[in-house]
Structures are given as structure tokens and as C-alpha cells.
Amino acid sequence: MPQVKLSDAYSGIDGLMREVMRIATLFESWACTHVNFDELTDVWPYLLADRFGQECLSIFLPDGLSEFDEHDCRRVAARLRLSFK
């Protein structure tokens, strides 16, 4: 896998962090509408901290996170094996 310079891909580390926060906020909002939290066997914040980033990177290359949109939330949720409403 070629090495990616994230700072260059996102115009600095601040740009990368804004992108990460955008994705996290989008997923959280999407999940509130679509995920059946009563079926969780893990604590939601711990599940996200442990696996959310890894699952996002299994779908997108690190320099392609700006392409993440609402349709990708379902893909990530499925990889997290979340139960849908």
C-alpha cells in the first residue's frame, strides 16, 4: 500500500480533524434514526472508539474520507454488525 501524506490530502492536520469530525457527526446522526440501540451488546461510545475508524478505513482509503456520505453510514453500520430499526 502506498504511503499517504494525510496532511497534504487535507490541507493540514486541522483539515483532517475537521473531516474526521464531519464523518463522526454524520454517522452519529444517522445512527440515532436507523440503529436499534436496544439490541446492542456493547456500550455505544466504546464500540465507536474501538471499531468505527477501522471500519471506515476498510471502505475508504485514508485520503478519500471526504467522499464519505450518508449512504456509507449503512455500510459502516453493517460492518459493525449493528441491528437496524
Foldseek 3Di string as FASTA:
>chain_A
DDDDDQCVLQVGPVSLVVLVVVLVVLLVVLCVQWFDVVPDPDDVVVLCVVPQVVLLCVVPPSSPSVVDDNVCSVVSCVVSVTHTD
